[in-house]
Amino acid sequence: MLFNQPLKPARLLRRYKRFLADVELQDGEFITVHCPNTGSMLGCSTPGAPVMISRSDNPKRKYPHTLEMVEVDGSWVGINTSLTNNLVREALEGGLFPELGRFEEIKAEVKTGQSRLDFLLKSGKELTYLEVKNCTLAQEGVARFPDAVTDRGARHLRELLSLHQQGHRAAIIFCIQLDNVTHFAPANKIDPLYAEILAEVTAKGVLALACQAEVSPSGIVVNKRLPTRY
């Protein structure tokens, strides 16, 4: 996925109210930008960090700029969760997940039970339900999710298990938008319940897959699989 226009460099001043961040442009101007990330952004919101922002052409937006990535330890981390599903869709279409089998159709935003899951893959009568999570947290060379307690994430895991028990294939994909990590593992110190439920559902047949994206100001592409450990 390439950005439609060049990103603009800036310096992060603060991230607040979940969806807002103040940045300083290279010319010294201070602006407020939209921050499209519902997590805590642990490790990715240090004041003074270099960032990249995009600008929307939509004249109705209150904040025309969007925070896209933050530099952490010399590498870019993609924090825009609104891009994650498109990145994973490109990877699905490129055959990065052979264990999901062949499919003829990808349907997005699928309502199931009490949840809405990100994708449904169809191959004849065979259905594969997918949930996608964006991962921006690294701890000692390990990519981890979540970066804050997530009741919604636990609900998605339970829904995937229910669908699997109904005879469907079910999987969760962790899209790691950062560098310098060797594998994925749940953040059991941040949300031990999520880690416990993830271990439970995978033991009962739900697939947990991890992929890594190469993040740069020119674009983001998922091009690598990483192992998952618990």
Protein backbone atom coordinates (compact mmCIF):
# COMPACT_ATOMS: atom_id res chain seq x y z
CA MET A 1 0.00 0.00 0.00
CA LEU A 2 1.50 3.28 -1.15
CA PHE A 3 0.44 6.64 0.24
CA ASN A 4 -1.44 8.82 -2.23
CA GLN A 5 0.70 11.83 -1.40
CA PRO A 6 4.02 12.44 0.35
CA LEU A 7 3.82 12.36 4.12
CA LYS A 8 4.93 15.39 6.10
CA PRO A 9 7.50 15.07 8.90
CA ALA A 10 6.78 16.53 12.32
CA ARG A 11 7.61 16.13 16.00
CA LEU A 12 5.13 14.67 18.49
CA LEU A 13 4.24 16.93 21.38
CA ARG A 14 1.50 14.91 23.04
CA ARG A 15 -1.25 12.41 22.33
CA TYR A 16 -4.52 12.91 24.24
CA LYS A 17 -8.27 12.25 24.28
CA ARG A 18 -7.50 8.98 22.42
CA PHE A 19 -8.03 10.47 18.96
CA LEU A 20 -5.99 13.68 19.07
CA ALA A 21 -2.30 14.56 19.01
CA ASP A 22 -0.40 17.83 18.94
CA VAL A 23 2.65 18.01 16.68
CA GLU A 24 5.21 20.57 15.65
CA LEU A 25 5.95 20.94 11.93
CA GLN A 26 9.44 21.53 10.62
CA ASP A 27 8.69 25.22 10.09
CA GLY A 28 7.79 25.60 13.77
CA GLU A 29 4.00 25.59 13.33
CA PHE A 30 1.96 23.71 15.96
CA ILE A 31 -1.11 21.80 14.79
CA THR A 32 -3.57 19.25 16.16
CA VAL A 33 -3.94 16.05 14.13
CA HIS A 34 -6.31 13.09 14.17
CA CYS A 35 -4.82 10.03 15.88
CA PRO A 36 -6.50 6.90 14.44
CA ASN A 37 -5.60 4.47 17.22
CA THR A 38 -7.85 3.37 20.08
CA GLY A 39 -5.08 1.70 22.09
CA SER A 40 -2.77 3.23 24.65
CA MET A 41 0.06 3.50 22.07
CA LEU A 42 2.43 2.33 24.78
CA GLY A 43 5.97 2.97 23.58
CA CYS A 44 4.74 4.98 20.59
CA SER A 45 3.68 8.27 22.18
CA THR A 46 6.89 9.66 23.66
CA PRO A 47 6.95 13.47 23.44
CA GLY A 48 9.60 14.61 21.00
CA ALA A 49 9.46 11.51 18.82
CA PRO A 50 9.67 12.06 15.04
CA VAL A 51 6.34 11.37 13.30
CA MET A 52 4.86 11.36 9.83
CA ILE A 53 1.45 12.85 9.08
CA SER A 54 -0.85 12.84 6.06
CA ARG A 55 -3.34 15.46 4.93
CA SER A 56 -6.90 14.71 3.83
CA ASP A 57 -8.58 16.49 0.93
CA ASN A 58 -11.93 16.30 2.72
CA PRO A 59 -12.92 19.93 3.49
CA LYS A 60 -15.41 18.79 6.16
CA ARG A 61 -12.78 17.35 8.47
CA LYS A 62 -12.16 19.37 11.62
CA TYR A 63 -8.58 18.11 11.74
CA PRO A 64 -7.35 17.61 8.17
CA HIS A 65 -4.08 15.92 9.17
CA THR A 66 -3.70 12.31 10.35
CA LEU A 67 -0.92 10.78 12.41
CA GLU A 68 0.40 7.84 10.35
CA MET A 69 3.60 6.64 11.98
CA VAL A 70 5.96 7.27 14.87
CA GLU A 71 9.70 6.66 14.95
CA VAL A 72 10.73 4.34 17.79
CA ASP A 73 14.37 3.31 18.29
CA GLY A 74 15.25 4.40 14.77
CA SER A 75 12.43 2.55 12.98
CA TRP A 76 8.97 3.59 11.87
CA VAL A 77 5.91 2.12 13.60
CA GLY A 78 2.55 2.29 11.78
CA ILE A 79 -0.10 3.44 14.25
CA ASN A 80 -3.00 4.11 11.86
CA THR A 81 -5.32 1.21 12.62
CA SER A 82 -7.73 2.24 9.86
CA LEU A 83 -5.15 0.92 7.36
CA THR A 84 -4.63 -2.47 8.99
CA ASN A 85 -7.45 -4.37 7.31
CA ASN A 86 -6.39 -3.17 3.88
CA LEU A 87 -2.83 -4.30 4.58
CA VAL A 88 -3.97 -7.74 5.68
CA ARG A 89 -6.33 -8.01 2.72
CA GLU A 90 -3.41 -7.41 0.37
CA ALA A 91 -1.49 -10.14 2.19
CA LEU A 92 -4.45 -12.54 1.95
CA GLU A 93 -4.77 -11.92 -1.77
CA GLY A 94 -1.01 -12.42 -2.11
CA GLY A 95 -1.19 -15.88 -0.53
CA LEU A 96 0.74 -15.10 2.66
CA PHE A 97 -1.50 -17.37 4.74
CA PRO A 98 -1.65 -20.79 3.01
CA GLU A 99 -3.09 -22.46 6.13
CA LEU A 100 -6.32 -20.57 5.49
CA GLY A 101 -6.75 -22.49 2.25
CA ARG A 102 -8.04 -21.21 -1.06
CA PHE A 103 -10.95 -18.81 -1.17
CA GLU A 104 -13.10 -17.31 -3.88
CA GLU A 105 -14.42 -14.25 -2.08
CA ILE A 106 -13.40 -11.90 0.72
CA LYS A 107 -16.22 -10.16 2.55
CA ALA A 108 -15.38 -7.35 4.98
CA GLU A 109 -17.10 -6.28 8.20
CA VAL A 110 -19.18 -9.38 8.92
CA LYS A 111 -21.83 -9.34 11.66
CA THR A 112 -21.77 -12.53 13.72
CA GLY A 113 -23.63 -13.07 16.99
CA GLN A 114 -22.72 -10.23 19.32
CA SER A 115 -19.65 -9.13 17.35
CA ARG A 116 -18.58 -7.73 14.02
CA LEU A 117 -15.53 -9.50 12.62
CA ASP A 118 -13.16 -8.07 10.03
CA PHE A 119 -13.32 -10.66 7.24
CA LEU A 120 -15.18 -13.69 5.97
CA LEU A 121 -13.44 -15.87 3.38
CA LYS A 122 -15.71 -17.98 1.20
CA SER A 123 -14.81 -21.06 -0.79
CA GLY A 124 -17.98 -22.80 -1.90
CA LYS A 125 -19.76 -23.73 1.33
CA GLU A 126 -16.59 -23.46 3.40
CA LEU A 127 -16.41 -20.33 5.54
CA THR A 128 -13.39 -18.84 7.31
CA TYR A 129 -13.93 -16.04 9.82
CA LEU A 130 -11.05 -13.66 10.51
CA GLU A 131 -10.37 -10.98 13.07
CA VAL A 132 -7.42 -8.61 12.57
CA LYS A 133 -5.48 -6.75 15.25
CA ASN A 134 -2.86 -4.06 14.76
CA CYS A 135 0.27 -4.55 16.85
CA THR A 136 2.54 -1.57 17.69
CA LEU A 137 4.04 -2.71 21.00
CA ALA A 138 7.50 -4.25 21.26
CA GLN A 139 9.03 -5.49 24.51
CA GLU A 140 12.52 -7.02 24.52
CA GLY A 141 12.33 -8.02 20.87
CA VAL A 142 8.82 -9.47 21.11
CA ALA A 143 5.75 -8.00 19.40
CA ARG A 144 2.85 -7.96 21.84
CA PHE A 145 -0.88 -7.29 21.86
CA PRO A 146 -2.82 -5.67 23.44
CA ASP A 147 -1.19 -2.48 24.71
CA ALA A 148 -4.14 -1.90 27.09
CA VAL A 149 -6.89 -4.04 28.60
CA THR A 150 -9.36 -4.93 25.84
CA ASP A 151 -12.77 -6.35 26.68
CA ARG A 152 -13.73 -6.01 23.01
CA GLY A 153 -10.75 -8.10 21.97
CA ALA A 154 -11.69 -10.85 24.43
CA ARG A 155 -15.23 -10.85 23.02
CA HIS A 156 -13.85 -11.30 19.50
CA LEU A 157 -11.83 -14.32 20.62
CA ARG A 158 -14.88 -15.95 22.19
CA GLU A 159 -16.87 -15.29 19.01
CA LEU A 160 -14.17 -16.92 16.89
CA LEU A 161 -14.23 -19.98 19.13
CA SER A 162 -18.02 -20.20 18.89
CA LEU A 163 -17.84 -20.07 15.09
CA HIS A 164 -15.15 -22.74 15.03
CA GLN A 165 -17.28 -24.98 17.23
CA GLN A 166 -20.10 -24.54 14.72
CA GLY A 167 -17.88 -26.15 12.09
CA HIS A 168 -16.24 -23.12 10.48
CA ARG A 169 -12.59 -22.21 10.23
CA ALA A 170 -11.69 -19.26 12.47
CA ALA A 171 -8.49 -17.26 12.85
CA ILE A 172 -7.04 -14.12 14.33
CA ILE A 173 -4.26 -12.28 12.51
CA PHE A 174 -1.91 -9.96 14.37
CA CYS A 175 -0.52 -7.38 11.95
CA ILE A 176 2.80 -6.18 13.36
CA GLN A 177 3.64 -2.70 12.08
CA LEU A 178 7.10 -2.44 13.62
CA ASP A 179 10.62 -3.72 13.13
CA ASN A 180 13.24 -5.48 15.27
CA VAL A 181 11.03 -8.24 16.69
CA THR A 182 11.47 -11.99 16.36
CA HIS A 183 7.98 -13.30 17.16
CA PHE A 184 4.55 -12.47 18.55
CA ALA A 185 3.25 -13.21 22.02
CA PRO A 186 0.23 -11.88 23.96
CA ALA A 187 0.90 -9.07 26.43
CA ASN A 188 0.05 -11.17 29.47
CA LYS A 189 1.33 -8.58 31.95
CA ILE A 190 -0.94 -5.89 30.47
CA ASP A 191 -4.07 -7.98 29.96
CA PRO A 192 -3.69 -11.44 31.52
CA LEU A 193 -7.32 -12.34 30.78
CA TYR A 194 -6.85 -11.72 27.04
CA ALA A 195 -3.70 -13.86 27.06
CA GLU A 196 -5.57 -16.63 28.90
CA ILE A 197 -8.50 -16.58 26.47
CA LEU A 198 -6.15 -16.51 23.45
CA ALA A 199 -4.36 -19.60 24.74
CA GLU A 200 -7.71 -21.31 25.37
CA VAL A 201 -9.23 -20.66 21.94
CA THR A 202 -6.07 -21.63 20.05
CA ALA A 203 -5.86 -24.88 22.02
CA LYS A 204 -9.41 -25.59 20.82
CA GLY A 205 -8.67 -24.96 17.15
CA VAL A 206 -8.78 -21.21 16.44
CA LEU A 207 -5.71 -20.22 14.41
CA ALA A 208 -3.49 -17.40 15.69
CA LEU A 209 -1.29 -16.00 12.92
CA ALA A 210 1.18 -13.12 12.88
CA CYS A 211 2.52 -11.09 9.99
CA GLN A 212 4.98 -8.22 9.84
CA ALA A 213 4.75 -5.07 7.75
CA GLU A 214 7.59 -3.01 6.36
CA VAL A 215 6.74 0.56 7.34
CA SER A 216 8.22 3.58 5.57
CA PRO A 217 7.04 7.10 4.67
CA SER A 218 6.49 5.95 1.08
CA GLY A 219 4.18 3.07 1.96
CA ILE A 220 3.43 0.04 4.11
CA VAL A 221 3.43 -3.56 2.93
CA VAL A 222 2.95 -6.84 4.78
CA ASN A 223 5.71 -9.08 3.47
CA LYS A 224 6.70 -11.49 6.23
CA ARG A 225 5.27 -14.06 8.61
CA LEU A 226 6.36 -14.25 12.23
CA PRO A 227 5.91 -17.18 14.64
CA THR A 228 3.47 -16.92 17.53
CA ARG A 229 4.39 -18.09 21.03
CA TYR A 230 2.50 -18.27 24.31
